[in-house]
C-alpha atoms as a PDB file:
ATOM      1  CA  MET A   1     137.171 161.514  88.622  1.00  0.00           C
ATOM      2  CA  ARG A   2     137.994 159.530  85.416  1.00  0.00           C
ATOM      3  CA  ALA A   3     140.752 157.952  87.020  1.00  0.00           C
ATOM      4  CA  ALA A   4     138.147 156.740  89.797  1.00  0.00           C
ATOM      5  CA  ARG A   5     135.770 155.432  87.331  1.00  0.00           C
ATOM      6  CA  ALA A   6     138.539 153.554  85.363  1.00  0.00           C
ATOM      7  CA  GLY A   7     139.565 151.973  88.641  1.00  0.00           C
ATOM      8  CA  LEU A   8     135.928 150.930  89.654  1.00  0.00           C
ATOM      9  CA  ALA A   9     135.396 149.448  86.250  1.00  0.00           C
ATOM     10  CA  LEU A  10     138.823 147.455  86.198  1.00  0.00           C
ATOM     11  CA  ALA A  11     137.956 146.530  89.801  1.00  0.00           C
ATOM     12  CA  ALA A  12     134.380 145.216  88.582  1.00  0.00           C
ATOM     13  CA  ALA A  13     135.660 143.362  85.680  1.00  0.00           C
ATOM     14  CA  LEU A  14     138.247 141.665  87.909  1.00  0.00           C
ATOM     15  CA  ALA A  15     135.416 140.617  90.268  1.00  0.00           C
ATOM     16  CA  LEU A  16     133.483 139.265  87.349  1.00  0.00           C
ATOM     17  CA  ALA A  17     136.314 137.446  85.930  1.00  0.00           C
ATOM     18  CA  LEU A  18     137.239 135.860  89.464  1.00  0.00           C
ATOM     19  CA  ALA A  19     133.716 134.855  89.644  1.00  0.00           C
ATOM     20  CA  LEU A  20     133.142 133.482  86.439  1.00  0.00           C
ATOM     21  CA  GLY A  21     136.294 131.158  86.993  1.00  0.00           C
ATOM     22  CA  ALA A  22     134.953 130.059  90.389  1.00  0.00           C
ATOM     23  CA  TRP A  23     131.907 129.127  88.654  1.00  0.00           C
ATOM     24  CA  ARG A  24     133.577 127.141  86.034  1.00  0.00           C
ATOM     25  CA  ARG A  25     135.635 125.450  88.589  1.00  0.00           C
ATOM     26  CA  ARG A  26     132.398 124.608  90.879  1.00  0.00           C
ATOM     27  CA  ARG A  27     130.509 122.967  87.610  1.00  0.00           C
ATOM     28  CA  ARG A  28     130.513 119.110  87.662  1.00  0.00           C
ATOM     29  CA  ARG A  29     132.648 117.761  84.708  1.00  0.00           C
ATOM     30  CA  PRO A  30     130.758 115.516  82.367  1.00  0.00           C
ATOM     31  CA  VAL A  31     131.061 111.985  83.209  1.00  0.00           C
ATOM     32  CA  ARG A  32     133.464 110.148  81.415  1.00  0.00           C
ATOM     33  CA  GLU A  33     134.358 106.677  82.526  1.00  0.00           C
ATOM     34  CA  VAL A  34     135.201 103.078  81.345  1.00  0.00           C
ATOM     35  CA  LEU A  35     134.371 100.062  83.812  1.00  0.00           C
ATOM     36  CA  PHE A  36     135.935  96.862  83.107  1.00  0.00           C
ATOM     37  CA  PHE A  37     134.293  93.270  84.571  1.00  0.00           C
ATOM     38  CA  PRO A  38     134.612  90.683  86.567  1.00  0.00           C
ATOM     39  CA  SER A  39     134.112  93.257  89.375  1.00  0.00           C
ATOM     40  CA  LEU A  40     135.876  92.661  92.774  1.00  0.00           C
ATOM     41  CA  PRO A  41     133.370  91.340  95.085  1.00  0.00           C
ATOM     42  CA  SER A  42     132.133  94.387  97.352  1.00  0.00           C
ATOM     43  CA  CYS A  43     128.965  95.143  99.621  1.00  0.00           C
ATOM     44  CA  THR A  44     126.541  97.629  97.896  1.00  0.00           C
ATOM     45  CA  GLU A  45     124.076  97.488 101.091  1.00  0.00           C
ATOM     46  CA  ALA A  46     125.137 101.476 101.706  1.00  0.00           C
ATOM     47  CA  LEU A  47     124.079 102.763  98.429  1.00  0.00           C
ATOM     48  CA  LEU A  48     121.091 100.834  98.283  1.00  0.00           C
ATOM     49  CA  ALA A  49     119.896 102.175 101.554  1.00  0.00           C
ATOM     50  CA  GLU A  50     120.870 105.803 100.828  1.00  0.00           C
ATOM     51  CA  ALA A  51     118.854 105.402  97.501  1.00  0.00           C
ATOM     52  CA  ALA A  52     115.858 104.089  99.862  1.00  0.00           C
ATOM     53  CA  GLU A  53     116.165 106.896 102.328  1.00  0.00           C
ATOM     54  CA  PRO A  54     118.444 109.811 101.501  1.00  0.00           C
ATOM     55  CA  GLY A  55     120.364 111.213 104.188  1.00  0.00           C
ATOM     56  CA  ALA A  56     119.268 108.346 106.660  1.00  0.00           C
ATOM     57  CA  ALA A  57     122.071 106.911 108.914  1.00  0.00           C
ATOM     58  CA  ALA A  58     123.717 103.958 106.956  1.00  0.00           C
ATOM     59  CA  LEU A  59     123.292 100.702 109.422  1.00  0.00           C
ATOM     60  CA  PRO A  60     125.873  98.489 109.545  1.00  0.00           C
ATOM     61  CA  CYS A  61     125.750  95.380 107.116  1.00  0.00           C
ATOM     62  CA  PRO A  62     126.569  91.922 108.615  1.00  0.00           C
ATOM     63  CA  CYS A  63     127.965  90.419 105.227  1.00  0.00           C
ATOM     64  CA  PRO A  64     131.630  89.880 104.854  1.00  0.00           C
ATOM     65  CA  LEU A  65     132.021  91.379 101.850  1.00  0.00           C
ATOM     66  CA  PRO A  66     134.530  94.304 101.534  1.00  0.00           C
ATOM     67  CA  ARG A  67     133.192  98.023 101.253  1.00  0.00           C
ATOM     68  CA  GLY A  68     135.559  99.398  98.851  1.00  0.00           C
ATOM     69  CA  ASP A  69     134.971 100.899  95.355  1.00  0.00           C
ATOM     70  CA  CYS A  70     134.688  98.672  92.434  1.00  0.00           C
ATOM     71  CA  SER A  71     133.429  98.592  88.533  1.00  0.00           C
ATOM     72  CA  PHE A  72     129.867  97.103  89.853  1.00  0.00           C
ATOM     73  CA  SER A  73     129.373  99.854  92.744  1.00  0.00           C
ATOM     74  CA  ARG A  74     130.422 102.600  90.493  1.00  0.00           C
ATOM     75  CA  LEU A  75     127.837 101.174  87.939  1.00  0.00           C
ATOM     76  CA  LEU A  76     125.122 101.181  90.755  1.00  0.00           C
ATOM     77  CA  ARG A  77     126.205 104.798  91.839  1.00  0.00           C
ATOM     78  CA  CYS A  78     125.463 106.151  88.190  1.00  0.00           C
ATOM     79  CA  LEU A  79     122.151 104.151  87.760  1.00  0.00           C
ATOM     80  CA  LEU A  80     121.115 105.559  91.512  1.00  0.00           C
ATOM     81  CA  SER A  81     122.270 109.168  90.375  1.00  0.00           C
ATOM     82  CA  ALA A  82     118.806 109.027  88.298  1.00  0.00           C
ATOM     83  CA  ARG A  83     116.326 111.789  89.294  1.00  0.00           C
ATOM     84  CA  ARG A  84     113.634 112.078  86.642  1.00  0.00           C
ATOM     85  CA  SER A  85     113.860 109.145  84.145  1.00  0.00           C
ATOM     86  CA  LEU A  86     115.720 105.856  83.358  1.00  0.00           C
ATOM     87  CA  GLU A  87     115.472 104.310  80.043  1.00  0.00           C
ATOM     88  CA  ILE A  88     116.790 100.492  79.959  1.00  0.00           C
ATOM     89  CA  CYS A  89     117.142  98.365  77.058  1.00  0.00           C
ATOM     90  CA  LEU A  90     118.440  95.065  77.947  1.00  0.00           C
ATOM     91  CA  PHE A  91     118.938  91.423  76.757  1.00  0.00           C
ATOM     92  CA  ALA A  92     119.382  89.606  80.494  1.00  0.00           C
ATOM     93  CA  PHE A  93     118.544  91.113  83.702  1.00  0.00           C
ATOM     94  CA  SER A  94     118.892  89.069  86.500  1.00  0.00           C
ATOM     95  CA  SER A  95     121.055  90.692  89.065  1.00  0.00           C
ATOM     96  CA  PRO A  96     118.970  91.301  92.261  1.00  0.00           C
ATOM     97  CA  GLN A  97     120.928  94.419  93.440  1.00  0.00           C
ATOM     98  CA  LEU A  98     120.405  96.078  90.143  1.00  0.00           C
ATOM     99  CA  GLY A  99     116.988  94.896  90.041  1.00  0.00           C
ATOM    100  CA  ARG A 100     116.269  96.496  93.731  1.00  0.00           C
ATOM    101  CA  ALA A 101     118.095  99.707  92.546  1.00  0.00           C
ATOM    102  CA  VAL A 102     115.757 100.134  89.408  1.00  0.00           C
ATOM    103  CA  ARG A 103     112.810  99.585  92.024  1.00  0.00           C
ATOM    104  CA  LEU A 104     114.038 101.985  94.319  1.00  0.00           C
ATOM    105  CA  LEU A 105     114.061 104.494  91.682  1.00  0.00           C
ATOM    106  CA  HIS A 106     110.714 103.752  90.851  1.00  0.00           C
ATOM    107  CA  ARG A 107     109.582 104.156  94.131  1.00  0.00           C
ATOM    108  CA  ARG A 108     111.247 107.319  94.406  1.00  0.00           C
ATOM    109  CA  GLY A 109     109.327 108.754  91.463  1.00  0.00           C
ATOM    110  CA  VAL A 110     111.809 108.250  88.527  1.00  0.00           C
ATOM    111  CA  ARG A 111     109.935 107.406  85.358  1.00  0.00           C
ATOM    112  CA  VAL A 112     111.219 103.761  84.366  1.00  0.00           C
ATOM    113  CA  ARG A 113     110.951 102.004  81.391  1.00  0.00           C
ATOM    114  CA  VAL A 114     112.529  98.909  80.192  1.00  0.00           C
ATOM    115  CA  VAL A 115     112.534  97.005  76.837  1.00  0.00           C
ATOM    116  CA  THR A 116     113.729  93.112  77.201  1.00  0.00           C
ATOM    117  CA  ASP A 117     114.032  90.323  75.271  1.00  0.00           C
ATOM    118  CA  ALA A 118     110.807  87.952  75.177  1.00  0.00           C
ATOM    119  CA  GLN A 119     112.881  84.692  75.164  1.00  0.00           C
ATOM    120  CA  TYR A 120     115.060  85.430  78.228  1.00  0.00           C
ATOM    121  CA  MET A 121     112.745  87.384  80.544  1.00  0.00           C
ATOM    122  CA  GLY A 122     110.872  84.303  81.474  1.00  0.00           C
ATOM    123  CA  LEU A 123     113.510  82.356  82.547  1.00  0.00           C
ATOM    124  CA  ARG A 124     114.422  81.475  86.237  1.00  0.00           C
ATOM    125  CA  GLY A 125     116.106  84.648  88.060  1.00  0.00           C
ATOM    126  CA  SER A 126     115.069  86.997  85.808  1.00  0.00           C
ATOM    127  CA  GLN A 127     114.107  90.414  87.546  1.00  0.00           C
ATOM    128  CA  ILE A 128     111.555  91.417  84.681  1.00  0.00           C
ATOM    129  CA  GLY A 129     108.735  89.927  86.868  1.00  0.00           C
ATOM    130  CA  LEU A 130     109.751  91.650  89.712  1.00  0.00           C
ATOM    131  CA  LEU A 131     109.858  95.028  87.848  1.00  0.00           C
ATOM    132  CA  ARG A 132     106.569  94.322  86.229  1.00  0.00           C
ATOM    133  CA  HIS A 133     104.976  93.605  89.916  1.00  0.00           C
ATOM    134  CA  ALA A 134     106.227  96.717  91.079  1.00  0.00           C
ATOM    135  CA  GLY A 135     104.367  98.879  88.301  1.00  0.00           C
ATOM    136  CA  ILE A 136     107.322  99.620  85.931  1.00  0.00           C
ATOM    137  CA  GLN A 137     106.784  99.642  82.468  1.00  0.00           C
ATOM    138  CA  VAL A 138     108.239  96.788  80.645  1.00  0.00           C
ATOM    139  CA  ARG A 139     107.963  95.813  76.859  1.00  0.00           C
ATOM    140  CA  HIS A 140     109.496  93.095  74.722  1.00  0.00           C
ATOM    141  CA  ASP A 141     110.194  91.847  71.334  1.00  0.00           C
ATOM    142  CA  GLN A 142     108.064  89.841  69.445  1.00  0.00           C
ATOM    143  CA  GLU A 143     110.570  88.604  66.846  1.00  0.00           C
ATOM    144  CA  SER A 144     112.527  85.599  65.821  1.00  0.00           C
ATOM    145  CA  GLY A 145     115.683  87.049  66.654  1.00  0.00           C
ATOM    146  CA  PHE A 146     116.804  88.416  70.132  1.00  0.00           C
ATOM    147  CA  MET A 147     116.770  92.022  71.552  1.00  0.00           C
ATOM    148  CA  HIS A 148     120.308  91.809  72.104  1.00  0.00           C
ATOM    149  CA  HIS A 149     120.904  95.913  72.937  1.00  0.00           C
ATOM    150  CA  LYS A 150     122.626  96.460  76.396  1.00  0.00           C
ATOM    151  CA  PHE A 151     122.255 100.127  77.308  1.00  0.00           C
ATOM    152  CA  ALA A 152     120.564 102.438  79.637  1.00  0.00           C
ATOM    153  CA  ILE A 153     120.107 106.288  79.659  1.00  0.00           C
ATOM    154  CA  VAL A 154     119.809 108.092  82.835  1.00  0.00           C
ATOM    155  CA  ASP A 155     117.807 111.311  83.100  1.00  0.00           C
ATOM    156  CA  ARG A 156     118.231 111.833  79.189  1.00  0.00           C
ATOM    157  CA  ARG A 157     122.016 112.878  79.506  1.00  0.00           C
ATOM    158  CA  MET A 158     124.117 109.718  80.920  1.00  0.00           C
ATOM    159  CA  LEU A 159     124.479 106.855  78.640  1.00  0.00           C
ATOM    160  CA  ILE A 160     125.499 103.392  79.952  1.00  0.00           C
ATOM    161  CA  THR A 161     126.794 100.742  77.523  1.00  0.00           C
ATOM    162  CA  GLY A 162     128.706  98.097  76.661  1.00  0.00           C
ATOM    163  CA  SER A 163     128.832  94.362  76.318  1.00  0.00           C
ATOM    164  CA  LEU A 164     127.571  93.820  80.104  1.00  0.00           C
ATOM    165  CA  ASN A 165     124.547  91.934  80.489  1.00  0.00           C
ATOM    166  CA  TRP A 166     122.975  92.808  84.017  1.00  0.00           C
ATOM    167  CA  THR A 167     123.590  89.610  85.159  1.00  0.00           C
ATOM    168  CA  THR A 168     125.417  88.332  88.529  1.00  0.00           C
ATOM    169  CA  GLN A 169     127.212  85.785  86.104  1.00  0.00           C
ATOM    170  CA  ALA A 170     128.161  88.827  83.764  1.00  0.00           C
ATOM    171  CA  ILE A 171     129.345  90.849  86.892  1.00  0.00           C
ATOM    172  CA  GLN A 172     131.101  88.455  88.782  1.00  0.00           C
ATOM    173  CA  ASN A 173     132.552  86.139  86.361  1.00  0.00           C
ATOM    174  CA  ASN A 174     132.845  87.707  82.651  1.00  0.00           C
ATOM    175  CA  ARG A 175     135.169  89.427  81.030  1.00  0.00           C
ATOM    176  CA  GLU A 176     132.800  92.663  80.070  1.00  0.00           C
ATOM    177  CA  ASN A 177     133.271  96.266  79.439  1.00  0.00           C
ATOM    178  CA  VAL A 178     130.683  99.388  80.113  1.00  0.00           C
ATOM    179  CA  LEU A 179     130.960 103.000  78.799  1.00  0.00           C
ATOM    180  CA  VAL A 180     129.562 105.793  80.826  1.00  0.00           C
ATOM    181  CA  VAL A 181     129.351 109.212  79.190  1.00  0.00           C
ATOM    182  CA  GLU A 182     127.587 112.275  79.593  1.00  0.00           C
ATOM    183  CA  ASP A 183     127.707 113.581  75.718  1.00  0.00           C
ATOM    184  CA  ALA A 184     124.537 114.791  73.787  1.00  0.00           C
ATOM    185  CA  GLU A 185     126.083 113.643  70.693  1.00  0.00           C
ATOM    186  CA  TYR A 186     126.151 110.041  71.608  1.00  0.00           C
ATOM    187  CA  VAL A 187     123.205 110.199  74.030  1.00  0.00           C
ATOM    188  CA  LYS A 188     120.559 111.188  71.478  1.00  0.00           C
ATOM    189  CA  PRO A 189     121.212 108.265  68.870  1.00  0.00           C
ATOM    190  CA  PHE A 190     120.734 105.654  71.835  1.00  0.00           C
ATOM    191  CA  LEU A 191     117.381 107.692  73.031  1.00  0.00           C
ATOM    192  CA  ASP A 192     116.112 107.661  69.442  1.00  0.00           C
ATOM    193  CA  GLU A 193     116.517 103.986  69.233  1.00  0.00           C
ATOM    194  CA  PHE A 194     114.992 103.339  72.513  1.00  0.00           C
ATOM    195  CA  GLU A 195     112.207 105.440  71.535  1.00  0.00           C
ATOM    196  CA  LYS A 196     111.699 103.698  68.085  1.00  0.00           C
ATOM    197  CA  ILE A 197     112.012 100.144  69.671  1.00  0.00           C
ATOM    198  CA  TRP A 198     109.551 101.438  72.645  1.00  0.00           C
ATOM    199  CA  GLU A 199     107.026 102.084  69.936  1.00  0.00           C
ATOM    200  CA  GLU A 200     107.596  99.139  67.814  1.00  0.00           C
ATOM    201  CA  TYR A 201     106.747  96.812  70.924  1.00  0.00           C
ATOM    202  CA  ASN A 202     103.500  98.387  71.962  1.00  0.00           C
ATOM    203  CA  PRO A 203     101.474  95.768  72.980  1.00  0.00           C
ATOM    204  CA  SER A 204      98.550  97.294  70.490  1.00  0.00           C
ATOM    205  CA  ASN A 205     100.983  96.236  67.560  1.00  0.00           C
ATOM    206  CA  TYR A 206     101.409  92.875  68.547  1.00  0.00           C
ATOM    207  CA  ARG A 207     100.330  89.986  66.192  1.00  0.00           C
ATOM    208  CA  PHE A 208      98.723  86.561  67.419  1.00  0.00           C
ATOM    209  CA  PHE A 209      98.085  83.545  65.524  1.00  0.00           C
END
């Protein structure tokens, strides 16, 4: 009887160990990725179409660009993974594809907040006006210096940061870098910085002369 019980206990422990091992293997590994620019040209229509209508059949795109993976498509994929929130803190934002992605997330119910630089946001090609028109919250500085940060936080867990401004010039022509990381130790200081700036740039604090 004791031997039978011991055998059952051993079998149960083995089954539990196997289940835990399978669970650990199934767990998604935290993102750790470095992207370098300029990025190879690629068509991003499939990614944007999937974000607009998840599960819908992708229509063929007539553009001549290749469909391969590249730094820009990987950046776009990280951005479009947002399900709950997206904080963006950028000096320059003029990429039409990234602007479209942010508006799609907003329409999907993701809470989007944007901080940008006052001197840049009014320039031709800036996406800020389109974001505001879509109902996205945007705040800007009221200082003599630049709001020169370049980072985004996805779902309060994924940090996207580096030298890259979200402009077509930077994406296609400049030597730039982007670090994408899921690590609370690094995400939290950037979240704290965003919240600090967000409050400082509250329009109720503006001074007019």
